[in-house]
Amino acid sequence: MGIVVHIRTGGSSGDVNELVRVNGEVFEPEYALSPSFAGDMAVQLAELRRSGWPGEREGLWIAEAEGQVVGGVTLRDLGGGLARLGHLALQPEARGTGTGRRLVENVLDAARAAGYERVELMTFSALTEARELYRSAGFEMTSSDHTVRWGREMDWERWELAL
């Protein structure tokens, strides 16, 4: 029998810390990002929490298997009918279970229910499986910028979905 992954809503400081941990454990070694990646993410999420995130039209979803956090995703209000899907990450043992798709669907369902007109996300070109998931959910790439982030040369991409 395969791994059973449950998804729940979150928002506590502990949930945010777990999401930062998973992102660091996944992206730094797998994509050769510098350790500043998780640090930058922790600062960004701490600033969001200080500003009241997640608000009524926002959210954090946590994926758990056997009591351990194995992934998560966020939804943030950017104003003007635009929301951002962010911080999607899954530990290797949770991949291939449909959990990534379920996390994205949770965000999109919540965004529709909250009345957003569009959802954007930022990613980079090396994330081929995530990019295919976004494409299959209806997202389209709207811009790409060749740059260096977190010690790695990459194509930094903005994707958008009209709801």
N, C-alpha and C. Protein backbone atom coordinates (compact mmCIF):
# COMPACT_ATOMS: atom_id res chain seq x y z
N MET A 1 0.84 -1.18 0.00
CA MET A 1 0.00 0.00 0.00
C MET A 1 0.88 1.24 0.00
N GLY A 2 0.49 2.27 -0.80
CA GLY A 2 1.27 3.50 -0.90
C GLY A 2 1.02 4.42 0.28
N ILE A 3 1.71 5.52 0.24
CA ILE A 3 1.60 6.54 1.28
C ILE A 3 0.21 7.19 1.21
N VAL A 4 -0.37 7.45 2.36
CA VAL A 4 -1.66 8.14 2.44
C VAL A 4 -1.38 9.56 2.92
N VAL A 5 -1.77 10.52 2.10
CA VAL A 5 -1.51 11.92 2.43
C VAL A 5 -2.84 12.62 2.66
N HIS A 6 -2.95 13.31 3.80
CA HIS A 6 -4.13 14.09 4.14
C HIS A 6 -3.78 15.57 4.00
N ILE A 7 -4.74 16.35 3.54
CA ILE A 7 -4.53 17.79 3.40
C ILE A 7 -5.46 18.49 4.39
N ARG A 8 -4.89 19.44 5.10
CA ARG A 8 -5.68 20.23 6.06
C ARG A 8 -5.35 21.71 5.88
N THR A 9 -6.25 22.56 6.36
CA THR A 9 -5.95 23.98 6.36
C THR A 9 -5.03 24.28 7.54
N GLY A 10 -4.26 25.31 7.41
CA GLY A 10 -3.34 25.70 8.46
C GLY A 10 -3.30 27.20 8.59
N GLY A 11 -2.28 27.68 9.24
CA GLY A 11 -2.13 29.12 9.41
C GLY A 11 -1.35 29.49 10.65
N SER A 12 -1.08 28.52 11.52
CA SER A 12 -0.33 28.81 12.75
C SER A 12 1.14 29.07 12.40
N SER A 13 1.86 29.66 13.35
CA SER A 13 3.29 29.88 13.13
C SER A 13 4.00 28.54 12.94
N GLY A 14 3.54 27.50 13.64
CA GLY A 14 4.13 26.17 13.47
C GLY A 14 3.93 25.64 12.06
N ASP A 15 2.73 25.86 11.48
CA ASP A 15 2.47 25.44 10.10
C ASP A 15 3.38 26.19 9.13
N VAL A 16 3.54 27.49 9.35
CA VAL A 16 4.41 28.30 8.49
C VAL A 16 5.85 27.79 8.59
N ASN A 17 6.31 27.51 9.80
CA ASN A 17 7.67 26.99 9.97
C ASN A 17 7.86 25.66 9.26
N GLU A 18 6.85 24.80 9.32
CA GLU A 18 6.93 23.51 8.63
C GLU A 18 6.98 23.70 7.12
N LEU A 19 6.20 24.65 6.59
CA LEU A 19 6.22 24.90 5.15
C LEU A 19 7.59 25.42 4.73
N VAL A 20 8.19 26.30 5.52
CA VAL A 20 9.54 26.78 5.23
C VAL A 20 10.52 25.62 5.24
N ARG A 21 10.42 24.75 6.25
CA ARG A 21 11.32 23.59 6.36
C ARG A 21 11.22 22.70 5.12
N VAL A 22 9.99 22.36 4.72
CA VAL A 22 9.81 21.49 3.56
C VAL A 22 10.38 22.14 2.31
N ASN A 23 10.09 23.43 2.10
CA ASN A 23 10.61 24.11 0.92
C ASN A 23 12.13 24.09 0.90
N GLY A 24 12.76 24.36 2.06
CA GLY A 24 14.21 24.33 2.12
C GLY A 24 14.77 22.95 1.85
N GLU A 25 14.15 21.93 2.44
CA GLU A 25 14.62 20.55 2.26
C GLU A 25 14.44 20.07 0.82
N VAL A 26 13.45 20.58 0.14
CA VAL A 26 13.20 20.16 -1.24
C VAL A 26 14.05 20.96 -2.22
N PHE A 27 13.94 22.29 -2.18
CA PHE A 27 14.53 23.11 -3.24
C PHE A 27 16.03 23.30 -3.12
N GLU A 28 16.55 23.42 -1.91
CA GLU A 28 17.98 23.67 -1.80
C GLU A 28 18.81 22.51 -2.35
N PRO A 29 18.59 21.25 -1.91
CA PRO A 29 19.41 20.17 -2.48
C PRO A 29 19.00 19.74 -3.89
N GLU A 30 17.70 19.69 -4.17
CA GLU A 30 17.26 19.15 -5.47
C GLU A 30 17.55 20.09 -6.63
N TYR A 31 17.57 21.40 -6.37
CA TYR A 31 17.75 22.37 -7.45
C TYR A 31 18.96 23.25 -7.22
N ALA A 32 19.84 22.84 -6.31
CA ALA A 32 21.11 23.53 -6.04
C ALA A 32 20.90 25.01 -5.72
N LEU A 33 19.87 25.31 -4.91
CA LEU A 33 19.65 26.67 -4.47
C LEU A 33 20.46 26.91 -3.20
N SER A 34 20.91 28.13 -3.02
CA SER A 34 21.68 28.45 -1.82
C SER A 34 20.77 28.41 -0.59
N PRO A 35 21.37 28.24 0.60
CA PRO A 35 20.58 28.21 1.84
C PRO A 35 19.80 29.50 2.08
N SER A 36 20.11 30.56 1.37
CA SER A 36 19.35 31.80 1.54
C SER A 36 17.91 31.64 1.04
N PHE A 37 17.64 30.60 0.24
CA PHE A 37 16.27 30.39 -0.26
C PHE A 37 15.28 30.24 0.90
N ALA A 38 15.54 29.30 1.80
CA ALA A 38 14.62 29.07 2.93
C ALA A 38 14.60 30.29 3.84
N GLY A 39 15.74 30.95 4.01
CA GLY A 39 15.78 32.15 4.83
C GLY A 39 14.92 33.26 4.25
N ASP A 40 15.02 33.47 2.93
CA ASP A 40 14.19 34.48 2.26
C ASP A 40 12.72 34.15 2.42
N MET A 41 12.38 32.88 2.27
CA MET A 41 10.99 32.46 2.39
C MET A 41 10.48 32.66 3.81
N ALA A 42 11.30 32.36 4.80
CA ALA A 42 10.89 32.54 6.19
C ALA A 42 10.61 34.01 6.49
N VAL A 43 11.47 34.89 5.99
CA VAL A 43 11.26 36.33 6.18
C VAL A 43 9.97 36.78 5.50
N GLN A 44 9.76 36.34 4.25
CA GLN A 44 8.56 36.73 3.51
C GLN A 44 7.29 36.28 4.25
N LEU A 45 7.27 35.04 4.69
CA LEU A 45 6.08 34.53 5.37
C LEU A 45 5.89 35.17 6.75
N ALA A 46 6.98 35.48 7.44
CA ALA A 46 6.86 36.17 8.73
C ALA A 46 6.26 37.56 8.53
N GLU A 47 6.71 38.26 7.49
CA GLU A 47 6.17 39.59 7.20
C GLU A 47 4.68 39.49 6.83
N LEU A 48 4.33 38.48 6.07
CA LEU A 48 2.91 38.28 5.73
C LEU A 48 2.08 38.04 6.98
N ARG A 49 2.58 37.18 7.87
CA ARG A 49 1.84 36.89 9.11
C ARG A 49 1.68 38.15 9.96
N ARG A 50 2.72 38.99 10.02
CA ARG A 50 2.62 40.24 10.79
C ARG A 50 1.56 41.16 10.19
N SER A 51 1.33 41.06 8.89
CA SER A 51 0.33 41.92 8.24
C SER A 51 -1.07 41.32 8.30
N GLY A 52 -1.22 40.16 8.99
CA GLY A 52 -2.55 39.57 9.16
C GLY A 52 -2.86 38.38 8.25
N TRP A 53 -1.88 37.96 7.45
CA TRP A 53 -2.08 36.78 6.60
C TRP A 53 -2.07 35.52 7.47
N PRO A 54 -2.87 34.53 7.20
CA PRO A 54 -3.87 34.50 6.12
C PRO A 54 -5.17 35.18 6.55
N GLY A 55 -5.64 36.07 5.69
CA GLY A 55 -6.89 36.76 5.92
C GLY A 55 -8.07 35.90 5.48
N GLU A 56 -9.23 36.49 5.50
CA GLU A 56 -10.48 35.77 5.19
C GLU A 56 -10.48 35.14 3.81
N ARG A 57 -9.83 35.78 2.83
CA ARG A 57 -9.83 35.28 1.45
C ARG A 57 -8.49 34.65 1.08
N GLU A 58 -7.71 34.23 2.08
CA GLU A 58 -6.39 33.67 1.86
C GLU A 58 -6.29 32.33 2.58
N GLY A 59 -5.15 31.66 2.43
CA GLY A 59 -5.04 30.40 3.13
C GLY A 59 -3.69 29.73 3.02
N LEU A 60 -3.56 28.70 3.82
CA LEU A 60 -2.40 27.82 3.85
C LEU A 60 -2.94 26.41 3.98
N TRP A 61 -2.47 25.52 3.11
CA TRP A 61 -2.88 24.12 3.15
C TRP A 61 -1.63 23.29 3.40
N ILE A 62 -1.75 22.35 4.31
CA ILE A 62 -0.64 21.50 4.73
C ILE A 62 -0.96 20.06 4.35
N ALA A 63 0.01 19.37 3.75
CA ALA A 63 -0.11 17.95 3.42
C ALA A 63 0.66 17.16 4.48
N GLU A 64 -0.02 16.17 5.06
CA GLU A 64 0.59 15.34 6.11
C GLU A 64 0.47 13.87 5.77
N ALA A 65 1.50 13.12 6.11
CA ALA A 65 1.51 11.66 5.98
C ALA A 65 2.07 11.10 7.27
N GLU A 66 1.33 10.22 7.90
CA GLU A 66 1.75 9.59 9.15
C GLU A 66 2.17 10.63 10.19
N GLY A 67 1.39 11.73 10.26
CA GLY A 67 1.64 12.75 11.25
C GLY A 67 2.77 13.71 10.94
N GLN A 68 3.41 13.54 9.79
CA GLN A 68 4.52 14.41 9.41
C GLN A 68 4.12 15.32 8.25
N VAL A 69 4.53 16.57 8.31
CA VAL A 69 4.26 17.50 7.21
C VAL A 69 5.16 17.12 6.03
N VAL A 70 4.53 16.87 4.88
CA VAL A 70 5.28 16.49 3.68
C VAL A 70 5.10 17.49 2.54
N GLY A 71 4.33 18.56 2.78
CA GLY A 71 4.16 19.56 1.75
C GLY A 71 3.17 20.62 2.15
N GLY A 72 2.97 21.55 1.23
CA GLY A 72 2.02 22.62 1.49
C GLY A 72 1.98 23.62 0.35
N VAL A 73 1.06 24.58 0.50
CA VAL A 73 0.87 25.62 -0.50
C VAL A 73 0.15 26.79 0.16
N THR A 74 0.30 27.99 -0.41
CA THR A 74 -0.34 29.18 0.14
C THR A 74 -1.19 29.88 -0.92
N LEU A 75 -2.13 30.69 -0.43
CA LEU A 75 -2.93 31.59 -1.26
C LEU A 75 -2.87 32.95 -0.61
N ARG A 76 -2.56 33.97 -1.42
CA ARG A 76 -2.39 35.32 -0.90
C ARG A 76 -3.13 36.31 -1.78
N ASP A 77 -3.78 37.29 -1.17
CA ASP A 77 -4.50 38.35 -1.87
C ASP A 77 -3.51 39.42 -2.30
N LEU A 78 -3.44 39.68 -3.62
CA LEU A 78 -2.56 40.73 -4.12
C LEU A 78 -3.32 42.00 -4.45
N GLY A 79 -4.66 41.97 -4.30
CA GLY A 79 -5.49 43.14 -4.60
C GLY A 79 -5.93 43.16 -6.06
N GLY A 80 -6.96 43.94 -6.32
CA GLY A 80 -7.44 44.09 -7.69
C GLY A 80 -7.97 42.81 -8.31
N GLY A 81 -8.50 41.90 -7.50
CA GLY A 81 -9.04 40.64 -8.01
C GLY A 81 -8.00 39.58 -8.30
N LEU A 82 -6.74 39.85 -7.92
CA LEU A 82 -5.63 38.94 -8.20
C LEU A 82 -5.15 38.27 -6.91
N ALA A 83 -4.98 36.95 -6.97
CA ALA A 83 -4.42 36.19 -5.85
C ALA A 83 -3.15 35.50 -6.33
N ARG A 84 -2.31 35.09 -5.37
CA ARG A 84 -1.09 34.35 -5.72
C ARG A 84 -1.08 32.99 -5.04
N LEU A 85 -0.86 31.95 -5.84
CA LEU A 85 -0.57 30.60 -5.36
C LEU A 85 0.93 30.59 -5.13
N GLY A 86 1.36 30.18 -3.92
CA GLY A 86 2.79 30.20 -3.65
C GLY A 86 3.25 29.09 -2.75
N HIS A 87 4.58 28.95 -2.71
CA HIS A 87 5.26 28.08 -1.76
C HIS A 87 4.90 26.60 -1.90
N LEU A 88 4.45 26.18 -3.08
CA LEU A 88 4.10 24.78 -3.28
C LEU A 88 5.36 23.92 -3.22
N ALA A 89 5.34 22.94 -2.34
CA ALA A 89 6.46 21.99 -2.23
C ALA A 89 5.95 20.67 -1.70
N LEU A 90 6.56 19.60 -2.16
CA LEU A 90 6.25 18.24 -1.68
C LEU A 90 7.53 17.46 -1.48
N GLN A 91 7.61 16.78 -0.36
CA GLN A 91 8.74 15.88 -0.12
C GLN A 91 8.68 14.76 -1.16
N PRO A 92 9.82 14.17 -1.52
CA PRO A 92 9.84 13.11 -2.53
C PRO A 92 8.87 11.96 -2.26
N GLU A 93 8.70 11.55 -1.00
CA GLU A 93 7.84 10.41 -0.70
C GLU A 93 6.36 10.70 -0.96
N ALA A 94 5.98 11.97 -1.08
CA ALA A 94 4.58 12.32 -1.33
C ALA A 94 4.30 12.58 -2.81
N ARG A 95 5.32 12.55 -3.63
CA ARG A 95 5.13 12.80 -5.06
C ARG A 95 4.54 11.57 -5.73
N GLY A 96 3.77 11.81 -6.77
CA GLY A 96 3.16 10.71 -7.50
C GLY A 96 1.90 10.18 -6.84
N THR A 97 1.45 10.83 -5.78
CA THR A 97 0.25 10.40 -5.05
C THR A 97 -0.97 11.24 -5.40
N GLY A 98 -0.79 12.26 -6.25
CA GLY A 98 -1.87 13.19 -6.56
C GLY A 98 -1.96 14.34 -5.57
N THR A 99 -1.05 14.36 -4.60
CA THR A 99 -1.10 15.39 -3.56
C THR A 99 -0.83 16.78 -4.12
N GLY A 100 0.13 16.91 -5.01
CA GLY A 100 0.41 18.22 -5.61
C GLY A 100 -0.82 18.77 -6.32
N ARG A 101 -1.47 17.93 -7.10
CA ARG A 101 -2.69 18.34 -7.80
C ARG A 101 -3.78 18.72 -6.79
N ARG A 102 -3.93 17.95 -5.73
CA ARG A 102 -4.95 18.25 -4.72
C ARG A 102 -4.66 19.58 -4.03
N LEU A 103 -3.39 19.86 -3.74
CA LEU A 103 -3.04 21.14 -3.13
C LEU A 103 -3.39 22.30 -4.06
N VAL A 104 -3.04 22.18 -5.33
CA VAL A 104 -3.36 23.24 -6.30
C VAL A 104 -4.87 23.39 -6.43
N GLU A 105 -5.60 22.29 -6.50
CA GLU A 105 -7.06 22.37 -6.60
C GLU A 105 -7.68 23.03 -5.37
N ASN A 106 -7.14 22.75 -4.17
CA ASN A 106 -7.63 23.41 -2.96
C ASN A 106 -7.48 24.93 -3.09
N VAL A 107 -6.32 25.38 -3.55
CA VAL A 107 -6.09 26.81 -3.71
C VAL A 107 -7.05 27.40 -4.73
N LEU A 108 -7.21 26.74 -5.87
CA LEU A 108 -8.07 27.27 -6.92
C LEU A 108 -9.53 27.28 -6.49
N ASP A 109 -9.97 26.24 -5.79
CA ASP A 109 -11.35 26.22 -5.26
C ASP A 109 -11.56 27.38 -4.29
N ALA A 110 -10.59 27.60 -3.40
CA ALA A 110 -10.70 28.69 -2.42
C ALA A 110 -10.68 30.04 -3.13
N ALA A 111 -9.85 30.18 -4.15
CA ALA A 111 -9.77 31.45 -4.89
C ALA A 111 -11.09 31.75 -5.59
N ARG A 112 -11.68 30.74 -6.18
CA ARG A 112 -12.99 30.93 -6.84
C ARG A 112 -14.05 31.31 -5.81
N ALA A 113 -14.08 30.59 -4.69
CA ALA A 113 -15.07 30.86 -3.64
C ALA A 113 -14.89 32.26 -3.06
N ALA A 114 -13.65 32.77 -3.05
CA ALA A 114 -13.37 34.09 -2.50
C ALA A 114 -13.64 35.20 -3.52
N GLY A 115 -13.96 34.83 -4.75
CA GLY A 115 -14.30 35.82 -5.76
C GLY A 115 -13.15 36.42 -6.53
N TYR A 116 -11.97 35.80 -6.46
CA TYR A 116 -10.85 36.31 -7.25
C TYR A 116 -11.14 36.14 -8.74
N GLU A 117 -10.60 37.03 -9.53
CA GLU A 117 -10.74 36.95 -10.99
C GLU A 117 -9.60 36.18 -11.62
N ARG A 118 -8.41 36.27 -10.99
CA ARG A 118 -7.21 35.65 -11.54
C ARG A 118 -6.32 35.14 -10.41
N VAL A 119 -5.53 34.12 -10.73
CA VAL A 119 -4.51 33.61 -9.81
C VAL A 119 -3.20 33.58 -10.57
N GLU A 120 -2.15 34.11 -9.94
CA GLU A 120 -0.82 34.04 -10.53
C GLU A 120 0.07 33.18 -9.66
N LEU A 121 1.19 32.76 -10.23
CA LEU A 121 2.23 32.06 -9.48
C LEU A 121 3.56 32.38 -10.12
N MET A 122 4.60 32.25 -9.32
CA MET A 122 5.96 32.45 -9.79
C MET A 122 6.69 31.12 -9.64
N THR A 123 7.47 30.76 -10.65
CA THR A 123 8.21 29.51 -10.61
C THR A 123 9.47 29.66 -11.45
N PHE A 124 10.23 28.61 -11.58
CA PHE A 124 11.38 28.67 -12.48
C PHE A 124 11.43 27.43 -13.36
N SER A 125 12.12 27.58 -14.48
CA SER A 125 12.04 26.62 -15.58
C SER A 125 12.48 25.21 -15.22
N ALA A 126 13.35 25.03 -14.24
CA ALA A 126 13.82 23.68 -13.88
C ALA A 126 12.74 22.84 -13.22
N LEU A 127 11.66 23.45 -12.77
CA LEU A 127 10.59 22.71 -12.08
C LEU A 127 9.62 22.13 -13.11
N THR A 128 10.11 21.20 -13.90
CA THR A 128 9.33 20.70 -15.04
C THR A 128 8.03 20.01 -14.62
N GLU A 129 8.05 19.22 -13.55
CA GLU A 129 6.82 18.54 -13.13
C GLU A 129 5.80 19.53 -12.60
N ALA A 130 6.25 20.51 -11.82
CA ALA A 130 5.34 21.54 -11.30
C ALA A 130 4.77 22.36 -12.45
N ARG A 131 5.61 22.71 -13.41
CA ARG A 131 5.14 23.50 -14.55
C ARG A 131 4.07 22.73 -15.33
N GLU A 132 4.24 21.42 -15.48
CA GLU A 132 3.24 20.62 -16.18
C GLU A 132 1.94 20.57 -15.37
N LEU A 133 2.05 20.47 -14.06
CA LEU A 133 0.85 20.52 -13.20
C LEU A 133 0.13 21.85 -13.39
N TYR A 134 0.86 22.95 -13.36
CA TYR A 134 0.24 24.27 -13.55
C TYR A 134 -0.43 24.37 -14.92
N ARG A 135 0.26 23.89 -15.94
CA ARG A 135 -0.30 23.94 -17.31
C ARG A 135 -1.58 23.11 -17.38
N SER A 136 -1.58 21.93 -16.78
CA SER A 136 -2.77 21.06 -16.84
C SER A 136 -3.94 21.65 -16.04
N ALA A 137 -3.64 22.53 -15.07
CA ALA A 137 -4.71 23.19 -14.30
C ALA A 137 -5.23 24.43 -15.02
N GLY A 138 -4.63 24.77 -16.17
CA GLY A 138 -5.11 25.90 -16.96
C GLY A 138 -4.25 27.14 -16.90
N PHE A 139 -3.17 27.13 -16.11
CA PHE A 139 -2.28 28.28 -16.05
C PHE A 139 -1.53 28.43 -17.38
N GLU A 140 -1.21 29.68 -17.70
CA GLU A 140 -0.39 29.98 -18.87
C GLU A 140 0.75 30.89 -18.45
N MET A 141 1.95 30.64 -19.00
CA MET A 141 3.09 31.49 -18.69
C MET A 141 2.87 32.86 -19.35
N THR A 142 3.05 33.91 -18.56
CA THR A 142 2.85 35.27 -19.09
C THR A 142 4.16 36.03 -19.23
N SER A 143 5.21 35.60 -18.52
CA SER A 143 6.52 36.25 -18.68
C SER A 143 7.62 35.32 -18.17
N SER A 144 8.82 35.57 -18.68
CA SER A 144 10.00 34.80 -18.27
C SER A 144 11.19 35.73 -18.30
N ASP A 145 12.01 35.67 -17.25
CA ASP A 145 13.16 36.55 -17.13
C ASP A 145 14.38 35.70 -16.76
N HIS A 146 15.40 35.72 -17.62
CA HIS A 146 16.63 34.98 -17.31
C HIS A 146 17.41 35.76 -16.26
N THR A 147 17.68 35.12 -15.12
CA THR A 147 18.27 35.82 -13.98
C THR A 147 19.06 34.85 -13.12
N VAL A 148 19.66 35.37 -12.07
CA VAL A 148 20.31 34.55 -11.05
C VAL A 148 19.58 34.79 -9.74
N ARG A 149 19.07 33.73 -9.14
CA ARG A 149 18.40 33.80 -7.84
C ARG A 149 18.91 32.65 -6.98
N TRP A 150 19.12 32.95 -5.72
CA TRP A 150 19.57 31.94 -4.74
C TRP A 150 20.77 31.15 -5.25
N GLY A 151 21.70 31.88 -5.92
CA GLY A 151 22.94 31.27 -6.37
C GLY A 151 22.83 30.41 -7.61
N ARG A 152 21.70 30.48 -8.32
CA ARG A 152 21.51 29.64 -9.49
C ARG A 152 20.97 30.46 -10.66
N GLU A 153 21.54 30.22 -11.83
CA GLU A 153 21.02 30.83 -13.04
C GLU A 153 19.71 30.13 -13.40
N MET A 154 18.69 30.92 -13.75
CA MET A 154 17.38 30.33 -14.04
C MET A 154 16.53 31.26 -14.88
N ASP A 155 15.48 30.68 -15.44
CA ASP A 155 14.43 31.46 -16.07
C ASP A 155 13.31 31.58 -15.06
N TRP A 156 13.12 32.78 -14.50
CA TRP A 156 12.11 33.07 -13.49
C TRP A 156 10.83 33.40 -14.22
N GLU A 157 9.76 32.64 -13.95
CA GLU A 157 8.54 32.71 -14.74
C GLU A 157 7.33 33.14 -13.92
N ARG A 158 6.46 33.91 -14.57
CA ARG A 158 5.16 34.27 -14.01
C ARG A 158 4.10 33.55 -14.83
N TRP A 159 3.20 32.83 -14.14
CA TRP A 159 2.10 32.10 -14.76
C TRP A 159 0.79 32.68 -14.23
N GLU A 160 -0.26 32.65 -15.04
CA GLU A 160 -1.53 33.18 -14.60
C GLU A 160 -2.69 32.32 -15.11
N LEU A 161 -3.76 32.30 -14.31
CA LEU A 161 -5.00 31.59 -14.64
C LEU A 161 -6.16 32.55 -14.43
N ALA A 162 -7.00 32.72 -15.45
CA ALA A 162 -8.25 33.47 -15.28
C ALA A 162 -9.30 32.51 -14.73
N LEU A 163 -9.95 32.93 -13.65
CA LEU A 163 -10.96 32.04 -13.01
C LEU A 163 -12.33 32.27 -13.62
